[in-house]
Amino acid sequence: MATSQATIDFLLDQLSCLADVSTKKMFGEYCLYLAGKPVGFVCDDQLYLKPTNAGRSMVQHAIEGMPYPGAKPYLLITADLWEERDWLCQLIQATGNELPLPKPKKKNA
């Protein structure tokens, strides 16, 4: 089941307090970016964040899940937690702060 546009619209509205948050559609699902860094995925209308120490410390009962078959475990942020706008923004920011910038893509000759 692919993620609905309504889910992405709601999530981006909740994260509007962050200056540079965006999504990119990939195979019917979405990658969530903060300042150009991929911080997680939205798959099957569920938010999966890359596991970081800061992220784990902010989630009381951390649930891990795989956004797609063969993926490493990610932190599953259930939809009921999305209602906490300030907390969600802080969680995404804390996760992004711990992640490195993506490696630059090599230019084709």
PDB file of N, CA and C in Angstrom:
ATOM      1  N   MET A   1       0.849  -1.179   0.000  1.00  0.00           N
ATOM      2  CA  MET A   1       0.000   0.000   0.000  1.00  0.00           C
ATOM      3  C   MET A   1       0.895   1.243   0.000  1.00  0.00           C
ATOM      4  N   ALA A   2       0.697   2.103  -0.940  1.00  0.00           N
ATOM      5  CA  ALA A   2       1.500   3.315  -1.056  1.00  0.00           C
ATOM      6  C   ALA A   2       0.993   4.395  -0.098  1.00  0.00           C
ATOM      7  N   THR A   3       1.868   5.281   0.264  1.00  0.00           N
ATOM      8  CA  THR A   3       1.531   6.401   1.137  1.00  0.00           C
ATOM      9  C   THR A   3       0.653   7.389   0.377  1.00  0.00           C
ATOM     10  N   SER A   4      -0.379   7.880   1.030  1.00  0.00           N
ATOM     11  CA  SER A   4      -1.294   8.827   0.391  1.00  0.00           C
ATOM     12  C   SER A   4      -0.719  10.244   0.435  1.00  0.00           C
ATOM     13  N   GLN A   5      -1.112  11.044  -0.536  1.00  0.00           N
ATOM     14  CA  GLN A   5      -0.688  12.442  -0.580  1.00  0.00           C
ATOM     15  C   GLN A   5      -1.199  13.190   0.643  1.00  0.00           C
ATOM     16  N   ALA A   6      -2.385  12.812   1.146  1.00  0.00           N
ATOM     17  CA  ALA A   6      -2.945  13.462   2.337  1.00  0.00           C
ATOM     18  C   ALA A   6      -2.035  13.251   3.551  1.00  0.00           C
ATOM     19  N   THR A   7      -1.433  12.085   3.658  1.00  0.00           N
ATOM     20  CA  THR A   7      -0.507  11.811   4.766  1.00  0.00           C
ATOM     21  C   THR A   7       0.710  12.723   4.666  1.00  0.00           C
ATOM     22  N   ILE A   8       1.272  12.847   3.476  1.00  0.00           N
ATOM     23  CA  ILE A   8       2.448  13.701   3.278  1.00  0.00           C
ATOM     24  C   ILE A   8       2.099  15.154   3.549  1.00  0.00           C
ATOM     25  N   ASP A   9       0.944  15.590   3.063  1.00  0.00           N
ATOM     26  CA  ASP A   9       0.519  16.979   3.294  1.00  0.00           C
ATOM     27  C   ASP A   9       0.378  17.262   4.786  1.00  0.00           C
ATOM     28  N   PHE A  10      -0.221  16.332   5.537  1.00  0.00           N
ATOM     29  CA  PHE A  10      -0.388  16.520   6.979  1.00  0.00           C
ATOM     30  C   PHE A  10       0.973  16.558   7.673  1.00  0.00           C
ATOM     31  N   LEU A  11       1.856  15.626   7.321  1.00  0.00           N
ATOM     32  CA  LEU A  11       3.169  15.566   7.956  1.00  0.00           C
ATOM     33  C   LEU A  11       3.967  16.839   7.675  1.00  0.00           C
ATOM     34  N   LEU A  12       3.961  17.298   6.431  1.00  0.00           N
ATOM     35  CA  LEU A  12       4.691  18.523   6.106  1.00  0.00           C
ATOM     36  C   LEU A  12       4.094  19.734   6.813  1.00  0.00           C
ATOM     37  N   ASP A  13       2.779  19.751   6.990  1.00  0.00           N
ATOM     38  CA  ASP A  13       2.151  20.833   7.752  1.00  0.00           C
ATOM     39  C   ASP A  13       2.611  20.798   9.208  1.00  0.00           C
ATOM     40  N   GLN A  14       2.676  19.609   9.778  1.00  0.00           N
ATOM     41  CA  GLN A  14       3.128  19.467  11.157  1.00  0.00           C
ATOM     42  C   GLN A  14       4.589  19.887  11.302  1.00  0.00           C
ATOM     43  N   LEU A  15       5.371  19.709  10.253  1.00  0.00           N
ATOM     44  CA  LEU A  15       6.795  20.033  10.297  1.00  0.00           C
ATOM     45  C   LEU A  15       7.103  21.412   9.726  1.00  0.00           C
ATOM     46  N   SER A  16       6.086  22.222   9.541  1.00  0.00           N
ATOM     47  CA  SER A  16       6.282  23.553   8.951  1.00  0.00           C
ATOM     48  C   SER A  16       7.128  24.475   9.829  1.00  0.00           C
ATOM     49  N   CYS A  17       7.343  24.118  11.082  1.00  0.00           N
ATOM     50  CA  CYS A  17       8.197  24.918  11.956  1.00  0.00           C
ATOM     51  C   CYS A  17       9.675  24.751  11.605  1.00  0.00           C
ATOM     52  N   LEU A  18       9.999  23.752  10.786  1.00  0.00           N
ATOM     53  CA  LEU A  18      11.379  23.539  10.351  1.00  0.00           C
ATOM     54  C   LEU A  18      11.594  24.265   9.028  1.00  0.00           C
ATOM     55  N   ALA A  19      12.734  24.926   8.904  1.00  0.00           N
ATOM     56  CA  ALA A  19      12.994  25.773   7.745  1.00  0.00           C
ATOM     57  C   ALA A  19      13.162  24.993   6.445  1.00  0.00           C
ATOM     58  N   ASP A  20      13.824  23.870   6.464  1.00  0.00           N
ATOM     59  CA  ASP A  20      14.198  23.209   5.219  1.00  0.00           C
ATOM     60  C   ASP A  20      13.820  21.731   5.232  1.00  0.00           C
ATOM     61  N   VAL A  21      12.525  21.452   5.378  1.00  0.00           N
ATOM     62  CA  VAL A  21      12.050  20.071   5.356  1.00  0.00           C
ATOM     63  C   VAL A  21      11.344  19.833   4.028  1.00  0.00           C
ATOM     64  N   SER A  22      11.572  18.647   3.464  1.00  0.00           N
ATOM     65  CA  SER A  22      10.954  18.322   2.183  1.00  0.00           C
ATOM     66  C   SER A  22      10.809  16.817   2.055  1.00  0.00           C
ATOM     67  N   THR A  23      10.062  16.402   1.048  1.00  0.00           N
ATOM     68  CA  THR A  23       9.926  14.984   0.739  1.00  0.00           C
ATOM     69  C   THR A  23      10.183  14.785  -0.746  1.00  0.00           C
ATOM     70  N   LYS A  24      10.554  13.570  -1.078  1.00  0.00           N
ATOM     71  CA  LYS A  24      10.734  13.200  -2.476  1.00  0.00           C
ATOM     72  C   LYS A  24      10.089  11.838  -2.671  1.00  0.00           C
ATOM     73  N   LYS A  25       9.229  11.746  -3.682  1.00  0.00           N
ATOM     74  CA  LYS A  25       8.529  10.497  -3.947  1.00  0.00           C
ATOM     75  C   LYS A  25       9.489   9.490  -4.554  1.00  0.00           C
ATOM     76  N   MET A  26       9.440   8.268  -3.991  1.00  0.00           N
ATOM     77  CA  MET A  26      10.298   7.184  -4.475  1.00  0.00           C
ATOM     78  C   MET A  26       9.503   5.888  -4.450  1.00  0.00           C
ATOM     79  N   PHE A  27       9.228   5.340  -5.602  1.00  0.00           N
ATOM     80  CA  PHE A  27       8.562   4.049  -5.701  1.00  0.00           C
ATOM     81  C   PHE A  27       7.220   4.008  -4.970  1.00  0.00           C
ATOM     82  N   GLY A  28       6.466   5.083  -5.023  1.00  0.00           N
ATOM     83  CA  GLY A  28       5.170   5.141  -4.365  1.00  0.00           C
ATOM     84  C   GLY A  28       5.248   5.512  -2.896  1.00  0.00           C
ATOM     85  N   GLU A  29       6.442   5.616  -2.364  1.00  0.00           N
ATOM     86  CA  GLU A  29       6.665   6.015  -0.978  1.00  0.00           C
ATOM     87  C   GLU A  29       7.488   7.301  -0.996  1.00  0.00           C
ATOM     88  N   TYR A  30       7.891   7.786   0.174  1.00  0.00           N
ATOM     89  CA  TYR A  30       8.568   9.078   0.251  1.00  0.00           C
ATOM     90  C   TYR A  30       9.800   9.013   1.140  1.00  0.00           C
ATOM     91  N   CYS A  31      10.800   9.782   0.750  1.00  0.00           N
ATOM     92  CA  CYS A  31      11.970  10.013   1.595  1.00  0.00           C
ATOM     93  C   CYS A  31      11.784  11.391   2.218  1.00  0.00           C
ATOM     94  N   LEU A  32      12.064  11.515   3.513  1.00  0.00           N
ATOM     95  CA  LEU A  32      11.945  12.777   4.241  1.00  0.00           C
ATOM     96  C   LEU A  32      13.337  13.371   4.407  1.00  0.00           C
ATOM     97  N   TYR A  33      13.468  14.649   4.019  1.00  0.00           N
ATOM     98  CA  TYR A  33      14.759  15.342   4.076  1.00  0.00           C
ATOM     99  C   TYR A  33      14.683  16.530   5.020  1.00  0.00           C
ATOM    100  N   LEU A  34      15.790  16.796   5.683  1.00  0.00           N
ATOM    101  CA  LEU A  34      15.964  18.011   6.457  1.00  0.00           C
ATOM    102  C   LEU A  34      17.278  18.636   6.025  1.00  0.00           C
ATOM    103  N   ALA A  35      17.199  19.815   5.457  1.00  0.00           N
ATOM    104  CA  ALA A  35      18.385  20.533   4.969  1.00  0.00           C
ATOM    105  C   ALA A  35      19.217  19.659   4.032  1.00  0.00           C
ATOM    106  N   GLY A  36      18.553  18.926   3.170  1.00  0.00           N
ATOM    107  CA  GLY A  36      19.237  18.079   2.202  1.00  0.00           C
ATOM    108  C   GLY A  36      19.676  16.727   2.716  1.00  0.00           C
ATOM    109  N   LYS A  37      19.510  16.487   4.017  1.00  0.00           N
ATOM    110  CA  LYS A  37      19.892  15.199   4.601  1.00  0.00           C
ATOM    111  C   LYS A  37      18.672  14.285   4.642  1.00  0.00           C
ATOM    112  N   PRO A  38      18.792  13.053   4.145  1.00  0.00           N
ATOM    113  CA  PRO A  38      17.680  12.114   4.311  1.00  0.00           C
ATOM    114  C   PRO A  38      17.609  11.669   5.775  1.00  0.00           C
ATOM    115  N   VAL A  39      16.488  11.975   6.434  1.00  0.00           N
ATOM    116  CA  VAL A  39      16.343  11.638   7.855  1.00  0.00           C
ATOM    117  C   VAL A  39      15.392  10.474   8.080  1.00  0.00           C
ATOM    118  N   GLY A  40      14.632  10.109   7.056  1.00  0.00           N
ATOM    119  CA  GLY A  40      13.710   9.002   7.230  1.00  0.00           C
ATOM    120  C   GLY A  40      12.882   8.744   5.991  1.00  0.00           C
ATOM    121  N   PHE A  41      11.915   7.851   6.173  1.00  0.00           N
ATOM    122  CA  PHE A  41      11.003   7.470   5.103  1.00  0.00           C
ATOM    123  C   PHE A  41       9.573   7.534   5.607  1.00  0.00           C
ATOM    124  N   VAL A  42       8.658   7.766   4.684  1.00  0.00           N
ATOM    125  CA  VAL A  42       7.237   7.612   4.967  1.00  0.00           C
ATOM    126  C   VAL A  42       6.770   6.507   4.034  1.00  0.00           C
ATOM    127  N   CYS A  43       6.461   5.358   4.619  1.00  0.00           N
ATOM    128  CA  CYS A  43       6.055   4.179   3.858  1.00  0.00           C
ATOM    129  C   CYS A  43       4.771   3.624   4.460  1.00  0.00           C
ATOM    130  N   ASP A  44       3.825   3.304   3.601  1.00  0.00           N
ATOM    131  CA  ASP A  44       2.535   2.784   4.058  1.00  0.00           C
ATOM    132  C   ASP A  44       1.913   3.701   5.109  1.00  0.00           C
ATOM    133  N   ASP A  45       2.033   5.007   4.887  1.00  0.00           N
ATOM    134  CA  ASP A  45       1.472   6.028   5.782  1.00  0.00           C
ATOM    135  C   ASP A  45       2.061   5.979   7.189  1.00  0.00           C
ATOM    136  N   GLN A  46       3.305   5.499   7.311  1.00  0.00           N
ATOM    137  CA  GLN A  46       3.989   5.451   8.604  1.00  0.00           C
ATOM    138  C   GLN A  46       5.338   6.151   8.462  1.00  0.00           C
ATOM    139  N   LEU A  47       5.757   6.810   9.547  1.00  0.00           N
ATOM    140  CA  LEU A  47       7.023   7.542   9.563  1.00  0.00           C
ATOM    141  C   LEU A  47       8.112   6.685  10.203  1.00  0.00           C
ATOM    142  N   TYR A  48       9.186   6.492   9.453  1.00  0.00           N
ATOM    143  CA  TYR A  48      10.353   5.754   9.920  1.00  0.00           C
ATOM    144  C   TYR A  48      11.532   6.715   9.918  1.00  0.00           C
ATOM    145  N   LEU A  49      12.157   6.925  11.071  1.00  0.00           N
ATOM    146  CA  LEU A  49      13.319   7.812  11.167  1.00  0.00           C
ATOM    147  C   LEU A  49      14.594   7.001  11.325  1.00  0.00           C
ATOM    148  N   LYS A  50      15.664   7.534  10.750  1.00  0.00           N
ATOM    149  CA  LYS A  50      16.963   6.890  10.941  1.00  0.00           C
ATOM    150  C   LYS A  50      17.260   6.887  12.440  1.00  0.00           C
ATOM    151  N   PRO A  51      17.729   5.772  12.954  1.00  0.00           N
ATOM    152  CA  PRO A  51      17.992   5.700  14.391  1.00  0.00           C
ATOM    153  C   PRO A  51      19.235   6.493  14.781  1.00  0.00           C
ATOM    154  N   THR A  52      19.070   7.403  15.723  1.00  0.00           N
ATOM    155  CA  THR A  52      20.177   8.176  16.280  1.00  0.00           C
ATOM    156  C   THR A  52      20.035   8.154  17.794  1.00  0.00           C
ATOM    157  N   ASN A  53      21.106   8.474  18.488  1.00  0.00           N
ATOM    158  CA  ASN A  53      21.037   8.532  19.950  1.00  0.00           C
ATOM    159  C   ASN A  53      20.046   9.598  20.398  1.00  0.00           C
ATOM    160  N   ALA A  54      20.072  10.747  19.749  1.00  0.00           N
ATOM    161  CA  ALA A  54      19.153  11.831  20.115  1.00  0.00           C
ATOM    162  C   ALA A  54      17.705  11.416  19.875  1.00  0.00           C
ATOM    163  N   GLY A  55      17.469  10.779  18.757  1.00  0.00           N
ATOM    164  CA  GLY A  55      16.107  10.333  18.450  1.00  0.00           C
ATOM    165  C   GLY A  55      15.611   9.312  19.449  1.00  0.00           C
ATOM    166  N   ARG A  56      16.443   8.342  19.765  1.00  0.00           N
ATOM    167  CA  ARG A  56      16.054   7.309  20.739  1.00  0.00           C
ATOM    168  C   ARG A  56      15.750   7.933  22.105  1.00  0.00           C
ATOM    169  N   SER A  57      16.524   8.942  22.487  1.00  0.00           N
ATOM    170  CA  SER A  57      16.321   9.544  23.806  1.00  0.00           C
ATOM    171  C   SER A  57      15.005  10.327  23.879  1.00  0.00           C
ATOM    172  N   MET A  58      14.477  10.735  22.736  1.00  0.00           N
ATOM    173  CA  MET A  58      13.235  11.520  22.720  1.00  0.00           C
ATOM    174  C   MET A  58      11.982  10.661  22.618  1.00  0.00           C
ATOM    175  N   VAL A  59      12.145   9.388  22.259  1.00  0.00           N
ATOM    176  CA  VAL A  59      11.003   8.488  22.117  1.00  0.00           C
ATOM    177  C   VAL A  59      10.946   7.601  23.354  1.00  0.00           C
ATOM    178  N   GLN A  60       9.868   7.719  24.116  1.00  0.00           N
ATOM    179  CA  GLN A  60       9.778   6.972  25.379  1.00  0.00           C
ATOM    180  C   GLN A  60       9.805   5.466  25.164  1.00  0.00           C
ATOM    181  N   HIS A  61       8.970   4.978  24.299  1.00  0.00           N
ATOM    182  CA  HIS A  61       8.902   3.547  24.034  1.00  0.00           C
ATOM    183  C   HIS A  61       9.244   3.338  22.562  1.00  0.00           C
ATOM    184  N   ALA A  62      10.537   3.274  22.287  1.00  0.00           N
ATOM    185  CA  ALA A  62      10.998   3.178  20.898  1.00  0.00           C
ATOM    186  C   ALA A  62      10.544   1.867  20.273  1.00  0.00           C
ATOM    187  N   ILE A  63       9.911   1.993  19.134  1.00  0.00           N
ATOM    188  CA  ILE A  63       9.498   0.843  18.344  1.00  0.00           C
ATOM    189  C   ILE A  63      10.330   0.881  17.076  1.00  0.00           C
ATOM    190  N   GLU A  64      10.899  -0.249  16.727  1.00  0.00           N
ATOM    191  CA  GLU A  64      11.663  -0.314  15.494  1.00  0.00           C
ATOM    192  C   GLU A  64      10.864  -1.048  14.440  1.00  0.00           C
ATOM    193  N   GLY A  65      11.061  -0.645  13.203  1.00  0.00           N
ATOM    194  CA  GLY A  65      10.405  -1.302  12.089  1.00  0.00           C
ATOM    195  C   GLY A  65      11.228  -1.087  10.841  1.00  0.00           C
ATOM    196  N   MET A  66      10.889  -1.837   9.814  1.00  0.00           N
ATOM    197  CA  MET A  66      11.596  -1.705   8.545  1.00  0.00           C
ATOM    198  C   MET A  66      10.658  -1.054   7.530  1.00  0.00           C
ATOM    199  N   PRO A  67      11.101   0.063   6.953  1.00  0.00           N
ATOM    200  CA  PRO A  67      10.237   0.771   6.015  1.00  0.00           C
ATOM    201  C   PRO A  67       9.970  -0.009   4.728  1.00  0.00           C
ATOM    202  N   TYR A  68      10.864  -0.907   4.381  1.00  0.00           N
ATOM    203  CA  TYR A  68      10.702  -1.719   3.175  1.00  0.00           C
ATOM    204  C   TYR A  68      11.491  -3.010   3.390  1.00  0.00           C
ATOM    205  N   PRO A  69      11.145  -4.068   2.657  1.00  0.00           N
ATOM    206  CA  PRO A  69      11.851  -5.350   2.841  1.00  0.00           C
ATOM    207  C   PRO A  69      13.351  -5.206   2.606  1.00  0.00           C
ATOM    208  N   GLY A  70      14.124  -5.758   3.516  1.00  0.00           N
ATOM    209  CA  GLY A  70      15.575  -5.725   3.409  1.00  0.00           C
ATOM    210  C   GLY A  70      16.230  -4.502   4.022  1.00  0.00           C
ATOM    211  N   ALA A  71      15.427  -3.564   4.526  1.00  0.00           N
ATOM    212  CA  ALA A  71      15.982  -2.351   5.136  1.00  0.00           C
ATOM    213  C   ALA A  71      16.502  -2.649   6.532  1.00  0.00           C
ATOM    214  N   LYS A  72      17.411  -1.802   6.985  1.00  0.00           N
ATOM    215  CA  LYS A  72      17.846  -1.857   8.374  1.00  0.00           C
ATOM    216  C   LYS A  72      16.706  -1.329   9.238  1.00  0.00           C
ATOM    217  N   PRO A  73      16.682  -1.668  10.527  1.00  0.00           N
ATOM    218  CA  PRO A  73      15.617  -1.149  11.397  1.00  0.00           C
ATOM    219  C   PRO A  73      15.704   0.369  11.566  1.00  0.00           C
ATOM    220  N   TYR A  74      14.557   1.003  11.533  1.00  0.00           N
ATOM    221  CA  TYR A  74      14.394   2.440  11.739  1.00  0.00           C
ATOM    222  C   TYR A  74      13.478   2.637  12.936  1.00  0.00           C
ATOM    223  N   LEU A  75      13.491   3.844  13.498  1.00  0.00           N
ATOM    224  CA  LEU A  75      12.546   4.176  14.564  1.00  0.00           C
ATOM    225  C   LEU A  75      11.184   4.431  13.931  1.00  0.00           C
ATOM    226  N   LEU A  76      10.174   3.700  14.373  1.00  0.00           N
ATOM    227  CA  LEU A  76       8.826   3.884  13.873  1.00  0.00           C
ATOM    228  C   LEU A  76       8.126   4.909  14.760  1.00  0.00           C
ATOM    229  N   ILE A  77       7.734   6.026  14.158  1.00  0.00           N
ATOM    230  CA  ILE A  77       7.043   7.095  14.883  1.00  0.00           C
ATOM    231  C   ILE A  77       5.567   6.982  14.518  1.00  0.00           C
ATOM    232  N   THR A  78       4.786   6.456  15.433  1.00  0.00           N
ATOM    233  CA  THR A  78       3.377   6.187  15.144  1.00  0.00           C
ATOM    234  C   THR A  78       2.600   7.479  14.924  1.00  0.00           C
ATOM    235  N   ALA A  79       1.540   7.379  14.140  1.00  0.00           N
ATOM    236  CA  ALA A  79       0.763   8.544  13.716  1.00  0.00           C
ATOM    237  C   ALA A  79       0.199   9.340  14.892  1.00  0.00           C
ATOM    238  N   ASP A  80      -0.099   8.685  16.005  1.00  0.00           N
ATOM    239  CA  ASP A  80      -0.635   9.426  17.150  1.00  0.00           C
ATOM    240  C   ASP A  80       0.394  10.413  17.700  1.00  0.00           C
ATOM    241  N   LEU A  81       1.675  10.148  17.503  1.00  0.00           N
ATOM    242  CA  LEU A  81       2.726  11.064  17.965  1.00  0.00           C
ATOM    243  C   LEU A  81       2.902  12.259  17.028  1.00  0.00           C
ATOM    244  N   TRP A  82       2.373  12.161  15.821  1.00  0.00           N
ATOM    245  CA  TRP A  82       2.488  13.262  14.868  1.00  0.00           C
ATOM    246  C   TRP A  82       1.702  14.476  15.320  1.00  0.00           C
ATOM    247  N   GLU A  83       0.730  14.274  16.189  1.00  0.00           N
ATOM    248  CA  GLU A  83      -0.107  15.370  16.681  1.00  0.00           C
ATOM    249  C   GLU A  83       0.688  16.346  17.545  1.00  0.00           C
ATOM    250  N   GLU A  84       1.763  15.866  18.143  1.00  0.00           N
ATOM    251  CA  GLU A  84       2.617  16.681  19.004  1.00  0.00           C
ATOM    252  C   GLU A  84       3.589  17.476  18.127  1.00  0.00           C
ATOM    253  N   ARG A  85       3.106  18.539  17.520  1.00  0.00           N
ATOM    254  CA  ARG A  85       3.866  19.292  16.513  1.00  0.00           C
ATOM    255  C   ARG A  85       5.244  19.730  17.007  1.00  0.00           C
ATOM    256  N   ASP A  86       5.326  20.374  18.161  1.00  0.00           N
ATOM    257  CA  ASP A  86       6.612  20.869  18.661  1.00  0.00           C
ATOM    258  C   ASP A  86       7.583  19.729  18.918  1.00  0.00           C
ATOM    259  N   TRP A  87       7.087  18.667  19.540  1.00  0.00           N
ATOM    260  CA  TRP A  87       7.929  17.501  19.823  1.00  0.00           C
ATOM    261  C   TRP A  87       8.415  16.868  18.524  1.00  0.00           C
ATOM    262  N   LEU A  88       7.521  16.732  17.547  1.00  0.00           N
ATOM    263  CA  LEU A  88       7.885  16.122  16.274  1.00  0.00           C
ATOM    264  C   LEU A  88       8.954  16.943  15.562  1.00  0.00           C
ATOM    265  N   CYS A  89       8.816  18.252  15.572  1.00  0.00           N
ATOM    266  CA  CYS A  89       9.829  19.126  14.961  1.00  0.00           C
ATOM    267  C   CYS A  89      11.175  18.974  15.673  1.00  0.00           C
ATOM    268  N   GLN A  90      11.146  18.909  16.986  1.00  0.00           N
ATOM    269  CA  GLN A  90      12.382  18.734  17.748  1.00  0.00           C
ATOM    270  C   GLN A  90      13.026  17.375  17.445  1.00  0.00           C
ATOM    271  N   LEU A  91      12.197  16.351  17.306  1.00  0.00           N
ATOM    272  CA  LEU A  91      12.703  15.011  16.997  1.00  0.00           C
ATOM    273  C   LEU A  91      13.368  14.979  15.622  1.00  0.00           C
ATOM    274  N   ILE A  92      12.732  15.559  14.631  1.00  0.00           N
ATOM    275  CA  ILE A  92      13.304  15.589  13.285  1.00  0.00           C
ATOM    276  C   ILE A  92      14.597  16.406  13.281  1.00  0.00           C
ATOM    277  N   GLN A  93      14.600  17.547  13.977  1.00  0.00           N
ATOM    278  CA  GLN A  93      15.798  18.396  14.046  1.00  0.00           C
ATOM    279  C   GLN A  93      16.940  17.667  14.751  1.00  0.00           C
ATOM    280  N   ALA A  94      16.651  17.008  15.870  1.00  0.00           N
ATOM    281  CA  ALA A  94      17.684  16.276  16.614  1.00  0.00           C
ATOM    282  C   ALA A  94      18.252  15.140  15.772  1.00  0.00           C
ATOM    283  N   THR A  95      17.387  14.462  15.040  1.00  0.00           N
ATOM    284  CA  THR A  95      17.843  13.379  14.169  1.00  0.00           C
ATOM    285  C   THR A  95      18.741  13.941  13.077  1.00  0.00           C
ATOM    286  N   GLY A  96      18.303  15.004  12.431  1.00  0.00           N
ATOM    287  CA  GLY A  96      19.093  15.625  11.373  1.00  0.00           C
ATOM    288  C   GLY A  96      20.437  16.135  11.853  1.00  0.00           C
ATOM    289  N   ASN A  97      20.477  16.650  13.065  1.00  0.00           N
ATOM    290  CA  ASN A  97      21.731  17.175  13.616  1.00  0.00           C
ATOM    291  C   ASN A  97      22.790  16.092  13.769  1.00  0.00           C
ATOM    292  N   GLU A  98      22.374  14.860  14.017  1.00  0.00           N
ATOM    293  CA  GLU A  98      23.335  13.763  14.222  1.00  0.00           C
ATOM    294  C   GLU A  98      23.782  13.106  12.928  1.00  0.00           C
ATOM    295  N   LEU A  99      23.064  13.347  11.855  1.00  0.00           N
ATOM    296  CA  LEU A  99      23.375  12.658  10.606  1.00  0.00           C
ATOM    297  C   LEU A  99      24.355  13.472   9.761  1.00  0.00           C
ATOM    298  N   PRO A 100      25.259  12.783   9.068  1.00  0.00           N
ATOM    299  CA  PRO A 100      26.199  13.495   8.189  1.00  0.00           C
ATOM    300  C   PRO A 100      25.489  13.947   6.913  1.00  0.00           C
ATOM    301  N   LEU A 101      26.086  14.906   6.250  1.00  0.00           N
ATOM    302  CA  LEU A 101      25.582  15.309   4.940  1.00  0.00           C
ATOM    303  C   LEU A 101      25.780  14.152   3.967  1.00  0.00           C
ATOM    304  N   PRO A 102      24.888  14.011   2.995  1.00  0.00           N
ATOM    305  CA  PRO A 102      25.088  12.938   2.021  1.00  0.00           C
ATOM    306  C   PRO A 102      26.350  13.187   1.205  1.00  0.00           C
ATOM    307  N   LYS A 103      26.968  12.100   0.775  1.00  0.00           N
ATOM    308  CA  LYS A 103      28.175  12.215  -0.039  1.00  0.00           C
ATOM    309  C   LYS A 103      27.799  12.795  -1.391  1.00  0.00           C
ATOM    310  N   PRO A 104      28.633  13.693  -1.920  1.00  0.00           N
ATOM    311  CA  PRO A 104      28.321  14.264  -3.239  1.00  0.00           C
ATOM    312  C   PRO A 104      28.321  13.185  -4.312  1.00  0.00           C
ATOM    313  N   LYS A 105      27.403  13.318  -5.250  1.00  0.00           N
ATOM    314  CA  LYS A 105      27.339  12.358  -6.354  1.00  0.00           C
ATOM    315  C   LYS A 105      28.459  12.647  -7.326  1.00  0.00           C
ATOM    316  N   LYS A 106      29.035  11.582  -7.869  1.00  0.00           N
ATOM    317  CA  LYS A 106      30.093  11.726  -8.858  1.00  0.00           C
ATOM    318  C   LYS A 106      29.457  12.130 -10.186  1.00  0.00           C
ATOM    319  N   LYS A 107      30.111  13.055 -10.858  1.00  0.00           N
ATOM    320  CA  LYS A 107      29.640  13.485 -12.162  1.00  0.00           C
ATOM    321  C   LYS A 107      30.057  12.469 -13.214  1.00  0.00           C
ATOM    322  N   ASN A 108      29.124  12.182 -14.122  1.00  0.00           N
ATOM    323  CA  ASN A 108      29.432  11.270 -15.236  1.00  0.00           C
ATOM    324  C   ASN A 108      30.296  11.986 -16.254  1.00  0.00           C
ATOM    325  N   ALA A 109      31.202  11.229 -16.843  1.00  0.00           N
ATOM    326  CA  ALA A 109      32.112  11.828 -17.845  1.00  0.00           C
ATOM    327  C   ALA A 109      31.409  12.108 -19.157  1.00  0.00           C
TER     328      ALA A 109
END
